[in-house]
Amino acid sequence: MKRGTGGKGLSSPGPLSGPAATGEGACDRTVGRQPHPLVDHYLEYLLVSKGLSENSLQAYSQDLDLFTRFLGDRGADVASVTDETIFLYILYLRQRGLSSRSMARHLSALRGFFAFAADEGVIPESPAELVENPKLPRLLPDVLTTDEMERLLSAPDMETPLGFRDKAMLELLYAAGLRVSELVALTPLDFDAQTGLLKIFGKGSKERLVPIHYLAQDICIRYLENIRGTFNPVQHFFFLNRSGKGLTRQGVWKLIKRYAVQAGIAKAISPHSLRHSFATHLLEGGADLRTVQILLGHADISATEIYTHVQANRLLTVHGTYHPRSRLHVKS
């Protein structure tokens, strides 16, 4: 089974240099742009097959050039891009002061480009497919409270095989802080029931071991022993659909959306929301940033530091609510 796509990790977003950073010469597809065979192939496809205008091609060229420079400055390439790479790129665009509309345009260019790359067999699937356009000026999607998380975890009906599978899926996502791509790639051999450790193959085929709590261990053991076989497996993945094949990223996405509605959660959540909640709740419970970085599989701690902003905001709220001096109303 294929594990990841290789490539180097990303460091924290930083400034770029050259025409892509300044916008000079970016309107020409051949002048001021770093050559990139796959981008060139894609632009030719848009011109010949899609009949895009020259102005549209120039816009795509400029946006993709900025992205490939972003990758190149960090020693990464197209094959190593994950949804978290795109998340870091969104942060970079935000740091450059781009509006939500401009960022949505960049994401549209990336979706088209990576869909093309997947069709060409360069990558197994598009990492940009499920990334939503920015709607609000915030860096992270909504993090679930512990009460909301309990409601979400309790939503599946464990009396049915599908419900039991979904319960195990949600518990594992939250217990290990998995990316959805890591979840769907899991096999039964990746779970060690004796030690309670989960072997995860993250981006760049980097392996990490994450301990999961006994509740998640118990339900995973019961799922593997009593439920998984009822799906008549035809693929060797941990989580299977009705046909015995592995779940897809889109399938997991839809299930979580459905259970969020069922649990009465009004926030717009995704599989990554459980990963964000995992990290945030660990920090709130006293975990140090370095440990959370290791558990999440972040190559650079700057990606983990984002969660400190969420934690700081919550601490301010708690402090303002419960500190005795904060509750005093001084009369003028």
Protein backbone atom coordinates (compact mmCIF):
# COMPACT_ATOMS: atom_id res chain seq x y z
CA MET A 1 0.00 0.00 0.00
CA LYS A 2 1.29 3.42 -0.87
CA ARG A 3 2.23 5.54 2.13
CA GLY A 4 2.39 9.27 1.38
CA THR A 5 3.99 10.93 -1.59
CA GLY A 6 7.40 11.91 -0.30
CA GLY A 7 8.93 15.35 -0.30
CA LYS A 8 10.16 17.67 2.40
CA GLY A 9 8.13 19.39 5.04
CA LEU A 10 7.39 23.09 5.17
CA SER A 11 8.79 25.68 7.46
CA SER A 12 6.83 28.65 8.69
CA PRO A 13 5.48 31.09 6.10
CA GLY A 14 8.02 33.73 5.18
CA PRO A 15 8.49 36.44 2.60
CA LEU A 16 9.18 35.67 -1.02
CA SER A 17 11.34 37.61 -3.39
CA GLY A 18 11.21 38.27 -7.09
CA PRO A 19 8.37 39.17 -9.45
CA ALA A 20 5.81 36.90 -7.79
CA ALA A 21 6.22 38.75 -4.53
CA THR A 22 5.94 42.20 -6.03
CA GLY A 23 3.52 41.48 -8.84
CA GLU A 24 5.98 42.86 -11.42
CA GLY A 25 5.93 40.94 -14.64
CA ALA A 26 3.43 38.45 -13.23
CA CYS A 27 0.84 39.18 -15.88
CA ASP A 28 2.89 37.47 -18.57
CA ARG A 29 2.93 33.69 -18.68
CA THR A 30 6.50 33.50 -19.90
CA VAL A 31 8.15 36.64 -18.56
CA GLY A 32 8.96 36.94 -14.86
CA ARG A 33 7.62 33.49 -13.99
CA GLN A 34 9.68 30.56 -12.77
CA PRO A 35 9.37 27.68 -15.28
CA HIS A 36 7.45 24.70 -13.94
CA PRO A 37 6.66 21.80 -16.33
CA LEU A 38 3.39 20.76 -14.68
CA VAL A 39 2.14 24.35 -14.40
CA ASP A 40 3.04 24.95 -18.06
CA HIS A 41 1.20 21.76 -19.01
CA TYR A 42 -1.84 22.88 -17.03
CA LEU A 43 -1.87 26.34 -18.61
CA GLU A 44 -1.71 24.79 -22.07
CA TYR A 45 -4.60 22.54 -21.10
CA LEU A 46 -6.64 25.57 -20.02
CA LEU A 47 -5.83 27.33 -23.27
CA VAL A 48 -6.46 24.43 -25.67
CA SER A 49 -9.12 22.34 -23.92
CA LYS A 50 -10.95 24.95 -21.86
CA GLY A 51 -10.53 27.92 -24.18
CA LEU A 52 -9.69 30.36 -21.39
CA SER A 53 -8.94 33.95 -22.33
CA GLU A 54 -5.45 35.36 -22.14
CA ASN A 55 -6.42 37.47 -19.13
CA SER A 56 -7.68 34.40 -17.28
CA LEU A 57 -4.53 32.48 -18.16
CA GLN A 58 -2.40 35.33 -16.86
CA ALA A 59 -4.29 35.30 -13.56
CA TYR A 60 -3.85 31.52 -13.19
CA SER A 61 -0.19 31.83 -14.11
CA GLN A 62 0.42 34.53 -11.51
CA ASP A 63 -1.36 32.64 -8.73
CA LEU A 64 0.33 29.32 -9.46
CA ASP A 65 3.72 30.97 -9.78
CA LEU A 66 3.35 32.44 -6.31
CA PHE A 67 2.41 29.01 -4.94
CA THR A 68 5.30 27.15 -6.62
CA ARG A 69 7.72 29.79 -5.33
CA PHE A 70 6.24 29.30 -1.88
CA LEU A 71 6.97 25.57 -2.19
CA GLY A 72 10.42 26.06 -3.69
CA ASP A 73 11.57 28.42 -0.95
CA ARG A 74 10.73 25.71 1.56
CA GLY A 75 12.30 22.79 -0.28
CA ALA A 76 8.93 21.23 -1.09
CA ASP A 77 7.34 20.20 -4.38
CA VAL A 78 3.89 19.54 -5.82
CA ALA A 79 3.98 15.83 -4.95
CA SER A 80 4.52 16.59 -1.25
CA VAL A 81 1.61 19.03 -0.87
CA THR A 82 -1.07 18.13 1.68
CA ASP A 83 -4.12 19.99 2.95
CA GLU A 84 -1.95 21.35 5.76
CA THR A 85 0.51 22.72 3.20
CA ILE A 86 -2.38 24.64 1.68
CA PHE A 87 -3.44 25.75 5.15
CA LEU A 88 0.05 27.23 5.69
CA TYR A 89 -0.18 28.86 2.28
CA ILE A 90 -3.48 30.46 3.26
CA LEU A 91 -1.76 31.83 6.36
CA TYR A 92 0.99 33.18 4.13
CA LEU A 93 -1.53 34.89 1.85
CA ARG A 94 -3.25 36.38 4.87
CA GLN A 95 0.08 37.71 6.14
CA ARG A 96 0.53 39.41 2.78
CA GLY A 97 -2.73 41.24 3.40
CA LEU A 98 -4.84 39.55 0.73
CA SER A 99 -8.58 39.93 1.03
CA SER A 100 -10.87 36.94 1.44
CA ARG A 101 -11.95 37.38 -2.18
CA SER A 102 -8.35 37.27 -3.43
CA MET A 103 -7.58 34.27 -1.27
CA ALA A 104 -10.64 32.48 -2.65
CA ARG A 105 -9.32 33.14 -6.16
CA HIS A 106 -5.96 31.62 -5.24
CA LEU A 107 -7.69 28.56 -3.79
CA SER A 108 -9.77 28.20 -6.95
CA ALA A 109 -6.58 28.16 -9.00
CA LEU A 110 -5.08 25.51 -6.71
CA ARG A 111 -8.19 23.34 -6.87
CA GLY A 112 -8.11 23.33 -10.65
CA PHE A 113 -4.37 22.71 -10.77
CA PHE A 114 -4.37 19.82 -8.29
CA ALA A 115 -7.44 18.23 -9.88
CA PHE A 116 -5.49 18.29 -13.14
CA ALA A 117 -2.39 16.85 -11.43
CA ALA A 118 -4.49 14.02 -9.97
CA ASP A 119 -6.04 13.27 -13.37
CA GLU A 120 -2.54 13.15 -14.85
CA GLY A 121 -1.44 10.66 -12.21
CA VAL A 122 1.16 12.98 -10.70
CA ILE A 123 -0.53 12.77 -7.28
CA PRO A 124 -3.04 10.20 -5.95
CA GLU A 125 -5.70 12.79 -5.05
CA SER A 126 -6.13 16.54 -4.82
CA PRO A 127 -5.16 17.98 -1.41
CA ALA A 128 -7.15 21.13 -2.24
CA GLU A 129 -10.48 19.48 -2.97
CA LEU A 130 -11.99 19.83 0.48
CA VAL A 131 -10.40 23.13 1.49
CA GLU A 132 -13.16 25.68 1.94
CA ASN A 133 -12.96 29.27 0.78
CA PRO A 134 -12.25 31.79 3.53
CA LYS A 135 -15.43 33.42 4.80
CA LEU A 136 -14.38 35.01 8.07
CA PRO A 137 -11.07 36.63 9.06
CA ARG A 138 -9.86 33.83 11.27
CA LEU A 139 -6.98 31.38 11.02
CA LEU A 140 -8.66 28.27 12.38
CA PRO A 141 -12.07 26.68 11.89
CA ASP A 142 -14.31 26.47 14.93
CA VAL A 143 -12.88 24.34 17.71
CA LEU A 144 -15.42 22.16 19.48
CA THR A 145 -15.94 22.57 23.20
CA THR A 146 -15.60 19.46 25.33
CA ASP A 147 -19.39 19.33 25.65
CA GLU A 148 -19.85 19.57 21.88
CA MET A 149 -17.23 16.88 21.38
CA GLU A 150 -19.05 14.55 23.78
CA ARG A 151 -22.29 15.11 21.87
CA LEU A 152 -20.59 14.42 18.55
CA LEU A 153 -18.94 11.24 19.85
CA SER A 154 -22.30 10.05 21.21
CA ALA A 155 -24.19 10.68 17.96
CA PRO A 156 -23.59 7.34 16.11
CA ASP A 157 -25.96 4.45 16.83
CA MET A 158 -23.69 1.69 18.11
CA GLU A 159 -26.43 -0.91 17.72
CA THR A 160 -25.74 -1.00 13.97
CA PRO A 161 -22.48 -2.02 12.25
CA LEU A 162 -22.25 1.31 10.42
CA GLY A 163 -22.93 3.26 13.60
CA PHE A 164 -20.33 1.24 15.51
CA ARG A 165 -17.80 1.88 12.73
CA ASP A 166 -18.56 5.60 12.80
CA LYS A 167 -18.22 5.70 16.59
CA ALA A 168 -14.77 4.11 16.32
CA MET A 169 -13.86 6.52 13.53
CA LEU A 170 -14.83 9.62 15.52
CA GLU A 171 -13.14 8.37 18.68
CA LEU A 172 -9.92 7.68 16.79
CA LEU A 173 -9.91 11.03 15.01
CA TYR A 174 -10.21 12.84 18.32
CA ALA A 175 -7.98 10.50 20.35
CA ALA A 176 -5.02 10.74 17.97
CA GLY A 177 -5.53 14.09 16.22
CA LEU A 178 -5.47 12.43 12.82
CA ARG A 179 -5.61 14.13 9.47
CA VAL A 180 -8.44 12.67 7.40
CA SER A 181 -5.90 11.36 4.86
CA GLU A 182 -4.14 9.52 7.69
CA LEU A 183 -7.41 8.06 8.95
CA VAL A 184 -8.49 6.58 5.61
CA ALA A 185 -4.99 5.11 5.05
CA LEU A 186 -4.93 3.21 8.36
CA THR A 187 -4.81 -0.59 8.33
CA PRO A 188 -5.59 -2.97 11.20
CA LEU A 189 -1.85 -3.66 11.57
CA ASP A 190 -1.27 0.02 12.38
CA PHE A 191 -3.06 -0.41 15.71
CA ASP A 192 -1.22 -2.24 18.50
CA ALA A 193 -3.86 -3.39 20.94
CA GLN A 194 -1.23 -4.52 23.46
CA THR A 195 0.44 -1.12 23.85
CA GLY A 196 -2.42 1.14 22.79
CA LEU A 197 -0.19 2.79 20.18
CA LEU A 198 -1.31 3.86 16.74
CA LYS A 199 1.22 3.91 13.91
CA ILE A 200 0.51 6.82 11.60
CA PHE A 201 2.08 7.57 8.24
CA GLY A 202 1.88 11.31 7.77
CA LYS A 203 2.93 13.61 4.97
CA GLY A 204 6.28 12.82 3.41
CA SER A 205 5.83 9.18 4.51
CA LYS A 206 6.94 10.22 7.99
CA GLU A 207 5.95 7.69 10.60
CA ARG A 208 4.88 8.62 14.10
CA LEU A 209 3.49 6.67 17.05
CA VAL A 210 0.60 8.17 18.97
CA PRO A 211 -0.85 6.68 22.17
CA ILE A 212 -4.63 6.59 22.35
CA HIS A 213 -6.69 6.50 25.55
CA TYR A 214 -8.32 3.32 26.82
CA LEU A 215 -11.84 4.27 25.64
CA ALA A 216 -10.62 4.58 22.04
CA GLN A 217 -8.55 1.42 22.44
CA ASP A 218 -11.56 -0.55 23.66
CA ILE A 219 -13.89 0.50 20.86
CA CYS A 220 -11.22 -0.08 18.21
CA ILE A 221 -10.59 -3.59 19.52
CA ARG A 222 -14.32 -4.36 19.52
CA TYR A 223 -14.70 -2.90 16.02
CA LEU A 224 -11.84 -4.99 14.63
CA GLU A 225 -12.96 -8.19 16.35
CA ASN A 226 -16.72 -8.00 15.85
CA ILE A 227 -17.72 -5.40 13.26
CA ARG A 228 -15.12 -4.94 10.52
CA GLY A 229 -15.57 -8.50 9.20
CA THR A 230 -19.28 -7.94 8.61
CA PHE A 231 -18.37 -5.56 5.77
CA ASN A 232 -16.77 -8.48 3.84
CA PRO A 233 -13.41 -6.71 3.36
CA VAL A 234 -12.00 -6.53 -0.14
CA GLN A 235 -9.37 -3.94 0.86
CA HIS A 236 -7.02 -4.02 3.83
CA PHE A 237 -8.02 -0.69 5.35
CA PHE A 238 -9.06 -0.14 8.96
CA PHE A 239 -12.36 1.56 8.15
CA LEU A 240 -14.52 0.10 5.38
CA ASN A 241 -17.70 1.08 3.57
CA ARG A 242 -20.68 -1.15 2.78
CA SER A 243 -18.78 -2.64 -0.18
CA GLY A 244 -15.82 -3.67 1.93
CA LYS A 245 -13.58 -0.97 0.48
CA GLY A 246 -11.77 1.79 2.32
CA LEU A 247 -13.57 4.98 3.22
CA THR A 248 -12.79 8.05 1.15
CA ARG A 249 -11.93 11.51 2.45
CA GLN A 250 -15.19 12.79 1.03
CA GLY A 251 -17.10 10.00 2.75
CA VAL A 252 -15.62 10.85 6.14
CA TRP A 253 -16.35 14.53 5.53
CA LYS A 254 -20.03 13.82 4.85
CA LEU A 255 -20.37 11.55 7.89
CA ILE A 256 -18.99 14.18 10.24
CA LYS A 257 -21.27 16.85 8.77
CA ARG A 258 -24.25 14.56 9.31
CA TYR A 259 -23.35 13.69 12.89
CA ALA A 260 -22.71 17.35 13.70
CA VAL A 261 -26.28 18.16 12.66
CA GLN A 262 -27.57 15.18 14.59
CA ALA A 263 -25.69 16.36 17.69
CA GLY A 264 -27.14 19.85 17.40
CA ILE A 265 -23.78 21.49 16.68
CA ALA A 266 -24.29 24.72 14.76
CA LYS A 267 -20.62 25.26 13.92
CA ALA A 268 -19.37 24.45 10.44
CA ILE A 269 -17.02 21.58 11.25
CA SER A 270 -14.95 19.16 9.20
CA PRO A 271 -12.65 16.20 9.96
CA HIS A 272 -9.89 18.72 10.60
CA SER A 273 -12.01 20.34 13.31
CA LEU A 274 -11.48 17.22 15.43
CA ARG A 275 -7.73 17.54 14.91
CA HIS A 276 -7.86 21.21 15.93
CA SER A 277 -9.97 20.30 18.96
CA PHE A 278 -7.51 17.54 19.92
CA ALA A 279 -4.60 20.00 19.93
CA THR A 280 -6.50 22.80 21.65
CA HIS A 281 -7.88 20.58 24.40
CA LEU A 282 -4.42 19.13 25.07
CA LEU A 283 -2.97 22.62 25.48
CA GLU A 284 -5.85 23.67 27.69
CA GLY A 285 -5.20 20.59 29.82
CA GLY A 286 -1.59 21.58 30.37
CA ALA A 287 0.30 19.81 27.57
CA ASP A 288 3.42 21.57 26.34
CA LEU A 289 3.67 22.82 22.76
CA ARG A 290 6.54 20.51 21.79
CA THR A 291 4.57 17.41 22.82
CA VAL A 292 1.54 18.55 20.82
CA GLN A 293 3.80 19.17 17.82
CA ILE A 294 5.08 15.59 17.98
CA LEU A 295 1.59 14.14 18.37
CA LEU A 296 0.29 16.14 15.40
CA GLY A 297 3.30 15.26 13.24
CA HIS A 298 4.11 18.89 12.43
CA ALA A 299 7.52 19.27 10.81
CA ASP A 300 7.80 22.84 12.07
CA ILE A 301 6.62 24.08 15.45
CA SER A 302 5.33 27.29 13.86
CA ALA A 303 2.37 25.29 12.54
CA THR A 304 1.62 24.16 16.12
CA GLU A 305 1.99 27.66 17.55
CA ILE A 306 -1.23 28.63 15.79
CA TYR A 307 -3.12 26.80 18.53
CA THR A 308 -1.65 29.07 21.20
CA HIS A 309 -3.76 31.91 19.76
CA VAL A 310 -6.91 29.86 20.32
CA GLN A 311 -5.76 28.95 23.81
CA ALA A 312 -4.87 32.58 24.62
CA ASN A 313 -8.30 33.81 23.54
CA ARG A 314 -10.01 31.27 25.76
CA LEU A 315 -7.77 32.13 28.69
CA LEU A 316 -8.69 35.79 28.30
CA THR A 317 -12.38 34.90 28.34
CA VAL A 318 -12.01 32.72 31.43
CA HIS A 319 -9.91 35.37 33.18
CA GLY A 320 -12.42 38.10 32.40
CA THR A 321 -15.28 35.96 33.65
CA TYR A 322 -13.89 34.47 36.84
CA HIS A 323 -11.12 36.73 38.18
CA PRO A 324 -12.59 38.67 41.13
CA ARG A 325 -11.07 41.98 40.04
CA SER A 326 -12.38 41.49 36.52
CA ARG A 327 -15.92 41.24 37.89
CA LEU A 328 -15.77 44.53 39.77
CA HIS A 329 -17.76 47.37 38.29
CA VAL A 330 -16.06 50.63 39.21
CA LYS A 331 -18.48 53.56 39.34
CA SER A 332 -17.28 56.81 37.83
